[in-house]
Amino acid sequence: MPPTALSEIIRVTKPGGWVVVSTRNSYYESSNFQEVCAQYQQKNKVKLVSCVKDASYIAEEGAHDWAFTVC
């Protein structure tokens, strides 16, 4: 999913609801996912609850796990 798809997920999630996503390390490094997440936080659309970097994903690579609440 492109980072911009987060806007639709946020839109359909009720305030106080959770958005939880996982990004492969290689995808995270090659995309602007972090920048998009920071923009949503600055615009007070979401609040970051947790980000686990290099979490278990598949044998070939890890992932970043993100948990947000919708404002």
PDB file of N, CA and C in Angstrom:
ATOM      1  N   MET A   1       0.848  -1.165   0.000  1.00  0.00           N
ATOM      2  CA  MET A   1       0.000   0.000   0.000  1.00  0.00           C
ATOM      3  C   MET A   1       0.891   1.224   0.000  1.00  0.00           C
ATOM      4  N   PRO A   2       0.612   2.194  -0.833  1.00  0.00           N
ATOM      5  CA  PRO A   2       1.409   3.418  -0.812  1.00  0.00           C
ATOM      6  C   PRO A   2       1.112   4.206   0.467  1.00  0.00           C
ATOM      7  N   PRO A   3       2.063   4.964   0.967  1.00  0.00           N
ATOM      8  CA  PRO A   3       1.848   5.725   2.190  1.00  0.00           C
ATOM      9  C   PRO A   3       0.622   6.635   2.120  1.00  0.00           C
ATOM     10  N   THR A   4       0.300   7.120   0.933  1.00  0.00           N
ATOM     11  CA  THR A   4      -0.852   8.015   0.797  1.00  0.00           C
ATOM     12  C   THR A   4      -2.173   7.302   1.059  1.00  0.00           C
ATOM     13  N   ALA A   5      -2.200   5.982   0.995  1.00  0.00           N
ATOM     14  CA  ALA A   5      -3.422   5.235   1.300  1.00  0.00           C
ATOM     15  C   ALA A   5      -3.818   5.379   2.760  1.00  0.00           C
ATOM     16  N   LEU A   6      -2.883   5.789   3.593  1.00  0.00           N
ATOM     17  CA  LEU A   6      -3.214   6.011   5.003  1.00  0.00           C
ATOM     18  C   LEU A   6      -4.326   7.036   5.174  1.00  0.00           C
ATOM     19  N   SER A   7      -4.413   8.012   4.292  1.00  0.00           N
ATOM     20  CA  SER A   7      -5.455   9.034   4.423  1.00  0.00           C
ATOM     21  C   SER A   7      -6.836   8.406   4.364  1.00  0.00           C
ATOM     22  N   GLU A   8      -7.039   7.427   3.511  1.00  0.00           N
ATOM     23  CA  GLU A   8      -8.346   6.763   3.415  1.00  0.00           C
ATOM     24  C   GLU A   8      -8.609   5.907   4.649  1.00  0.00           C
ATOM     25  N   ILE A   9      -7.597   5.211   5.131  1.00  0.00           N
ATOM     26  CA  ILE A   9      -7.756   4.403   6.346  1.00  0.00           C
ATOM     27  C   ILE A   9      -8.104   5.304   7.528  1.00  0.00           C
ATOM     28  N   ILE A  10      -7.423   6.426   7.636  1.00  0.00           N
ATOM     29  CA  ILE A  10      -7.704   7.376   8.717  1.00  0.00           C
ATOM     30  C   ILE A  10      -9.115   7.933   8.573  1.00  0.00           C
ATOM     31  N   ARG A  11      -9.519   8.246   7.349  1.00  0.00           N
ATOM     32  CA  ARG A  11     -10.837   8.829   7.100  1.00  0.00           C
ATOM     33  C   ARG A  11     -11.968   7.907   7.547  1.00  0.00           C
ATOM     34  N   VAL A  12     -11.832   6.610   7.327  1.00  0.00           N
ATOM     35  CA  VAL A  12     -12.917   5.675   7.649  1.00  0.00           C
ATOM     36  C   VAL A  12     -12.838   5.132   9.074  1.00  0.00           C
ATOM     37  N   THR A  13     -11.825   5.525   9.819  1.00  0.00           N
ATOM     38  CA  THR A  13     -11.678   5.083  11.208  1.00  0.00           C
ATOM     39  C   THR A  13     -12.234   6.155  12.136  1.00  0.00           C
ATOM     40  N   LYS A  14     -13.090   5.736  13.062  1.00  0.00           N
ATOM     41  CA  LYS A  14     -13.697   6.677  14.004  1.00  0.00           C
ATOM     42  C   LYS A  14     -12.625   7.289  14.901  1.00  0.00           C
ATOM     43  N   PRO A  15     -12.837   8.528  15.359  1.00  0.00           N
ATOM     44  CA  PRO A  15     -11.914   9.116  16.332  1.00  0.00           C
ATOM     45  C   PRO A  15     -11.774   8.194  17.547  1.00  0.00           C
ATOM     46  N   GLY A  16     -10.545   8.010  17.968  1.00  0.00           N
ATOM     47  CA  GLY A  16     -10.253   7.088  19.063  1.00  0.00           C
ATOM     48  C   GLY A  16      -9.967   5.677  18.583  1.00  0.00           C
ATOM     49  N   GLY A  17     -10.271   5.408  17.302  1.00  0.00           N
ATOM     50  CA  GLY A  17     -10.006   4.092  16.734  1.00  0.00           C
ATOM     51  C   GLY A  17      -8.528   3.920  16.441  1.00  0.00           C
ATOM     52  N   TRP A  18      -8.144   2.699  16.181  1.00  0.00           N
ATOM     53  CA  TRP A  18      -6.748   2.356  15.950  1.00  0.00           C
ATOM     54  C   TRP A  18      -6.481   2.071  14.483  1.00  0.00           C
ATOM     55  N   VAL A  19      -5.316   2.498  14.025  1.00  0.00           N
ATOM     56  CA  VAL A  19      -4.787   2.134  12.714  1.00  0.00           C
ATOM     57  C   VAL A  19      -3.454   1.454  12.978  1.00  0.00           C
ATOM     58  N   VAL A  20      -3.343   0.211  12.570  1.00  0.00           N
ATOM     59  CA  VAL A  20      -2.122  -0.562  12.795  1.00  0.00           C
ATOM     60  C   VAL A  20      -1.636  -1.066  11.439  1.00  0.00           C
ATOM     61  N   VAL A  21      -0.401  -0.731  11.110  1.00  0.00           N
ATOM     62  CA  VAL A  21       0.171  -1.134   9.824  1.00  0.00           C
ATOM     63  C   VAL A  21       1.586  -1.658  10.029  1.00  0.00           C
ATOM     64  N   SER A  22       2.018  -2.426   9.063  1.00  0.00           N
ATOM     65  CA  SER A  22       3.366  -2.970   9.075  1.00  0.00           C
ATOM     66  C   SER A  22       4.011  -2.662   7.734  1.00  0.00           C
ATOM     67  N   THR A  23       5.268  -2.224   7.752  1.00  0.00           N
ATOM     68  CA  THR A  23       5.987  -1.931   6.518  1.00  0.00           C
ATOM     69  C   THR A  23       7.296  -2.713   6.516  1.00  0.00           C
ATOM     70  N   ARG A  24       7.537  -3.415   5.447  1.00  0.00           N
ATOM     71  CA  ARG A  24       8.832  -4.100   5.324  1.00  0.00           C
ATOM     72  C   ARG A  24       9.948  -3.072   5.395  1.00  0.00           C
ATOM     73  N   ASN A  25      11.064  -3.458   5.950  1.00  0.00           N
ATOM     74  CA  ASN A  25      12.199  -2.540   6.050  1.00  0.00           C
ATOM     75  C   ASN A  25      12.589  -1.978   4.691  1.00  0.00           C
ATOM     76  N   SER A  26      12.637  -2.826   3.663  1.00  0.00           N
ATOM     77  CA  SER A  26      13.048  -2.362   2.333  1.00  0.00           C
ATOM     78  C   SER A  26      12.048  -1.356   1.768  1.00  0.00           C
ATOM     79  N   TYR A  27      10.759  -1.569   2.007  1.00  0.00           N
ATOM     80  CA  TYR A  27       9.742  -0.632   1.527  1.00  0.00           C
ATOM     81  C   TYR A  27       9.846   0.686   2.292  1.00  0.00           C
ATOM     82  N   TYR A  28      10.011   0.596   3.592  1.00  0.00           N
ATOM     83  CA  TYR A  28      10.147   1.791   4.429  1.00  0.00           C
ATOM     84  C   TYR A  28      11.308   2.650   3.939  1.00  0.00           C
ATOM     85  N   GLU A  29      12.424   2.016   3.639  1.00  0.00           N
ATOM     86  CA  GLU A  29      13.618   2.743   3.215  1.00  0.00           C
ATOM     87  C   GLU A  29      13.485   3.337   1.813  1.00  0.00           C
ATOM     88  N   SER A  30      12.661   2.744   0.965  1.00  0.00           N
ATOM     89  CA  SER A  30      12.530   3.218  -0.409  1.00  0.00           C
ATOM     90  C   SER A  30      11.318   4.131  -0.630  1.00  0.00           C
ATOM     91  N   SER A  31      10.538   4.367   0.417  1.00  0.00           N
ATOM     92  CA  SER A  31       9.335   5.199   0.283  1.00  0.00           C
ATOM     93  C   SER A  31       9.423   6.393   1.227  1.00  0.00           C
ATOM     94  N   ASN A  32       8.418   7.230   1.172  1.00  0.00           N
ATOM     95  CA  ASN A  32       8.343   8.379   2.084  1.00  0.00           C
ATOM     96  C   ASN A  32       7.362   8.100   3.222  1.00  0.00           C
ATOM     97  N   PHE A  33       7.263   6.838   3.630  1.00  0.00           N
ATOM     98  CA  PHE A  33       6.302   6.434   4.657  1.00  0.00           C
ATOM     99  C   PHE A  33       6.473   7.242   5.944  1.00  0.00           C
ATOM    100  N   GLN A  34       7.695   7.378   6.417  1.00  0.00           N
ATOM    101  CA  GLN A  34       7.951   8.130   7.654  1.00  0.00           C
ATOM    102  C   GLN A  34       7.492   9.577   7.511  1.00  0.00           C
ATOM    103  N   GLU A  35       7.774  10.191   6.388  1.00  0.00           N
ATOM    104  CA  GLU A  35       7.382  11.583   6.147  1.00  0.00           C
ATOM    105  C   GLU A  35       5.858  11.741   6.151  1.00  0.00           C
ATOM    106  N   VAL A  36       5.163  10.823   5.504  1.00  0.00           N
ATOM    107  CA  VAL A  36       3.700  10.874   5.458  1.00  0.00           C
ATOM    108  C   VAL A  36       3.122  10.705   6.866  1.00  0.00           C
ATOM    109  N   CYS A  37       3.649   9.774   7.630  1.00  0.00           N
ATOM    110  CA  CYS A  37       3.187   9.566   9.007  1.00  0.00           C
ATOM    111  C   CYS A  37       3.409  10.820   9.854  1.00  0.00           C
ATOM    112  N   ALA A  38       4.551  11.443   9.689  1.00  0.00           N
ATOM    113  CA  ALA A  38       4.856  12.669  10.438  1.00  0.00           C
ATOM    114  C   ALA A  38       3.879  13.787  10.068  1.00  0.00           C
ATOM    115  N   GLN A  39       3.521  13.884   8.788  1.00  0.00           N
ATOM    116  CA  GLN A  39       2.572  14.912   8.354  1.00  0.00           C
ATOM    117  C   GLN A  39       1.205  14.699   8.998  1.00  0.00           C
ATOM    118  N   TYR A  40       0.728  13.453   9.053  1.00  0.00           N
ATOM    119  CA  TYR A  40      -0.568  13.178   9.679  1.00  0.00           C
ATOM    120  C   TYR A  40      -0.536  13.505  11.173  1.00  0.00           C
ATOM    121  N   GLN A  41       0.606  13.263  11.800  1.00  0.00           N
ATOM    122  CA  GLN A  41       0.732  13.599  13.218  1.00  0.00           C
ATOM    123  C   GLN A  41       0.749  15.120  13.412  1.00  0.00           C
ATOM    124  N   GLN A  42       1.472  15.838  12.571  1.00  0.00           N
ATOM    125  CA  GLN A  42       1.546  17.296  12.682  1.00  0.00           C
ATOM    126  C   GLN A  42       0.188  17.939  12.434  1.00  0.00           C
ATOM    127  N   LYS A  43      -0.613  17.338  11.560  1.00  0.00           N
ATOM    128  CA  LYS A  43      -1.948  17.863  11.262  1.00  0.00           C
ATOM    129  C   LYS A  43      -2.981  17.401  12.292  1.00  0.00           C
ATOM    130  N   ASN A  44      -2.518  16.691  13.323  1.00  0.00           N
ATOM    131  CA  ASN A  44      -3.357  16.189  14.407  1.00  0.00           C
ATOM    132  C   ASN A  44      -4.461  15.255  13.901  1.00  0.00           C
ATOM    133  N   LYS A  45      -4.140  14.465  12.879  1.00  0.00           N
ATOM    134  CA  LYS A  45      -5.082  13.466  12.377  1.00  0.00           C
ATOM    135  C   LYS A  45      -4.903  12.134  13.105  1.00  0.00           C
ATOM    136  N   VAL A  46      -3.670  11.854  13.536  1.00  0.00           N
ATOM    137  CA  VAL A  46      -3.377  10.635  14.285  1.00  0.00           C
ATOM    138  C   VAL A  46      -2.368  10.948  15.383  1.00  0.00           C
ATOM    139  N   LYS A  47      -2.331  10.049  16.350  1.00  0.00           N
ATOM    140  CA  LYS A  47      -1.313  10.112  17.402  1.00  0.00           C
ATOM    141  C   LYS A  47      -0.573   8.776  17.382  1.00  0.00           C
ATOM    142  N   LEU A  48       0.751   8.841  17.303  1.00  0.00           N
ATOM    143  CA  LEU A  48       1.556   7.623  17.310  1.00  0.00           C
ATOM    144  C   LEU A  48       1.534   7.017  18.704  1.00  0.00           C
ATOM    145  N   VAL A  49       1.134   5.760  18.783  1.00  0.00           N
ATOM    146  CA  VAL A  49       1.116   5.041  20.054  1.00  0.00           C
ATOM    147  C   VAL A  49       2.379   4.201  20.185  1.00  0.00           C
ATOM    148  N   SER A  50       2.773   3.575  19.071  1.00  0.00           N
ATOM    149  CA  SER A  50       3.946   2.704  19.118  1.00  0.00           C
ATOM    150  C   SER A  50       4.522   2.526  17.721  1.00  0.00           C
ATOM    151  N   CYS A  51       5.842   2.440  17.656  1.00  0.00           N
ATOM    152  CA  CYS A  51       6.530   2.061  16.421  1.00  0.00           C
ATOM    153  C   CYS A  51       7.660   1.125  16.809  1.00  0.00           C
ATOM    154  N   VAL A  52       7.544  -0.106  16.370  1.00  0.00           N
ATOM    155  CA  VAL A  52       8.576  -1.104  16.638  1.00  0.00           C
ATOM    156  C   VAL A  52       9.383  -1.252  15.363  1.00  0.00           C
ATOM    157  N   LYS A  53      10.622  -0.819  15.420  1.00  0.00           N
ATOM    158  CA  LYS A  53      11.483  -0.900  14.233  1.00  0.00           C
ATOM    159  C   LYS A  53      12.212  -2.233  14.199  1.00  0.00           C
ATOM    160  N   ASP A  54      12.343  -2.762  12.992  1.00  0.00           N
ATOM    161  CA  ASP A  54      13.002  -4.038  12.733  1.00  0.00           C
ATOM    162  C   ASP A  54      12.359  -5.182  13.513  1.00  0.00           C
ATOM    163  N   ALA A  55      11.031  -5.195  13.508  1.00  0.00           N
ATOM    164  CA  ALA A  55      10.279  -6.276  14.150  1.00  0.00           C
ATOM    165  C   ALA A  55      10.325  -7.524  13.267  1.00  0.00           C
ATOM    166  N   SER A  56       9.959  -8.648  13.818  1.00  0.00           N
ATOM    167  CA  SER A  56       9.905  -9.892  13.047  1.00  0.00           C
ATOM    168  C   SER A  56       8.870  -9.755  11.944  1.00  0.00           C
ATOM    169  N   TYR A  57       9.192 -10.260  10.770  1.00  0.00           N
ATOM    170  CA  TYR A  57       8.251 -10.211   9.651  1.00  0.00           C
ATOM    171  C   TYR A  57       8.352 -11.502   8.847  1.00  0.00           C
ATOM    172  N   ILE A  58       9.370 -11.611   8.028  1.00  0.00           N
ATOM    173  CA  ILE A  58       9.636 -12.845   7.296  1.00  0.00           C
ATOM    174  C   ILE A  58      11.122 -13.149   7.436  1.00  0.00           C
ATOM    175  N   ALA A  59      11.513 -14.333   7.042  1.00  0.00           N
ATOM    176  CA  ALA A  59      12.911 -14.741   7.216  1.00  0.00           C
ATOM    177  C   ALA A  59      13.880 -13.809   6.507  1.00  0.00           C
ATOM    178  N   GLU A  60      13.477 -13.280   5.358  1.00  0.00           N
ATOM    179  CA  GLU A  60      14.388 -12.465   4.557  1.00  0.00           C
ATOM    180  C   GLU A  60      14.602 -11.054   5.100  1.00  0.00           C
ATOM    181  N   GLU A  61      13.615 -10.518   5.790  1.00  0.00           N
ATOM    182  CA  GLU A  61      13.765  -9.157   6.314  1.00  0.00           C
ATOM    183  C   GLU A  61      12.756  -8.878   7.409  1.00  0.00           C
ATOM    184  N   GLY A  62      13.057  -7.849   8.173  1.00  0.00           N
ATOM    185  CA  GLY A  62      12.170  -7.404   9.235  1.00  0.00           C
ATOM    186  C   GLY A  62      11.219  -6.338   8.728  1.00  0.00           C
ATOM    187  N   ALA A  63      10.496  -5.768   9.660  1.00  0.00           N
ATOM    188  CA  ALA A  63       9.518  -4.745   9.304  1.00  0.00           C
ATOM    189  C   ALA A  63       9.397  -3.734  10.437  1.00  0.00           C
ATOM    190  N   HIS A  64       8.751  -2.628  10.123  1.00  0.00           N
ATOM    191  CA  HIS A  64       8.396  -1.647  11.145  1.00  0.00           C
ATOM    192  C   HIS A  64       6.903  -1.789  11.387  1.00  0.00           C
ATOM    193  N   ASP A  65       6.516  -1.929  12.634  1.00  0.00           N
ATOM    194  CA  ASP A  65       5.113  -2.034  13.012  1.00  0.00           C
ATOM    195  C   ASP A  65       4.688  -0.701  13.620  1.00  0.00           C
ATOM    196  N   TRP A  66       3.592  -0.141  13.122  1.00  0.00           N
ATOM    197  CA  TRP A  66       3.096   1.164  13.539  1.00  0.00           C
ATOM    198  C   TRP A  66       1.714   1.030  14.144  1.00  0.00           C
ATOM    199  N   ALA A  67       1.467   1.729  15.239  1.00  0.00           N
ATOM    200  CA  ALA A  67       0.131   1.774  15.835  1.00  0.00           C
ATOM    201  C   ALA A  67      -0.202   3.243  16.101  1.00  0.00           C
ATOM    202  N   PHE A  68      -1.330   3.683  15.558  1.00  0.00           N
ATOM    203  CA  PHE A  68      -1.800   5.055  15.730  1.00  0.00           C
ATOM    204  C   PHE A  68      -3.216   5.048  16.283  1.00  0.00           C
ATOM    205  N   THR A  69      -3.589   6.094  16.995  1.00  0.00           N
ATOM    206  CA  THR A  69      -4.994   6.340  17.274  1.00  0.00           C
ATOM    207  C   THR A  69      -5.405   7.531  16.425  1.00  0.00           C
ATOM    208  N   VAL A  70      -6.643   7.489  15.971  1.00  0.00           N
ATOM    209  CA  VAL A  70      -7.173   8.555  15.130  1.00  0.00           C
ATOM    210  C   VAL A  70      -7.728   9.658  16.022  1.00  0.00           C
ATOM    211  N   CYS A  71      -7.389  10.901  15.693  1.00  0.00           N
ATOM    212  CA  CYS A  71      -7.833  12.058  16.489  1.00  0.00           C
ATOM    213  C   CYS A  71      -9.204  12.542  16.035  1.00  0.00           C
TER     214      CYS A  71
END
